[in-house]
């Protein structure tokens, strides 16, 4: 995934948010066949 931050965006905060999304997606992977299905369920 390519992320283009807006001017003035704090890169440290962007990294923290993306890291949190990755962690949540990996945690959701367990009850689903793959991480994508878990992520879709999380976003619903």
Foldseek 3Di string as FASTA:
>chain_A
DDDDDDPPDDVVVVVVVVVVLVVQLVVQQVVDVGSVVSSVVVVD
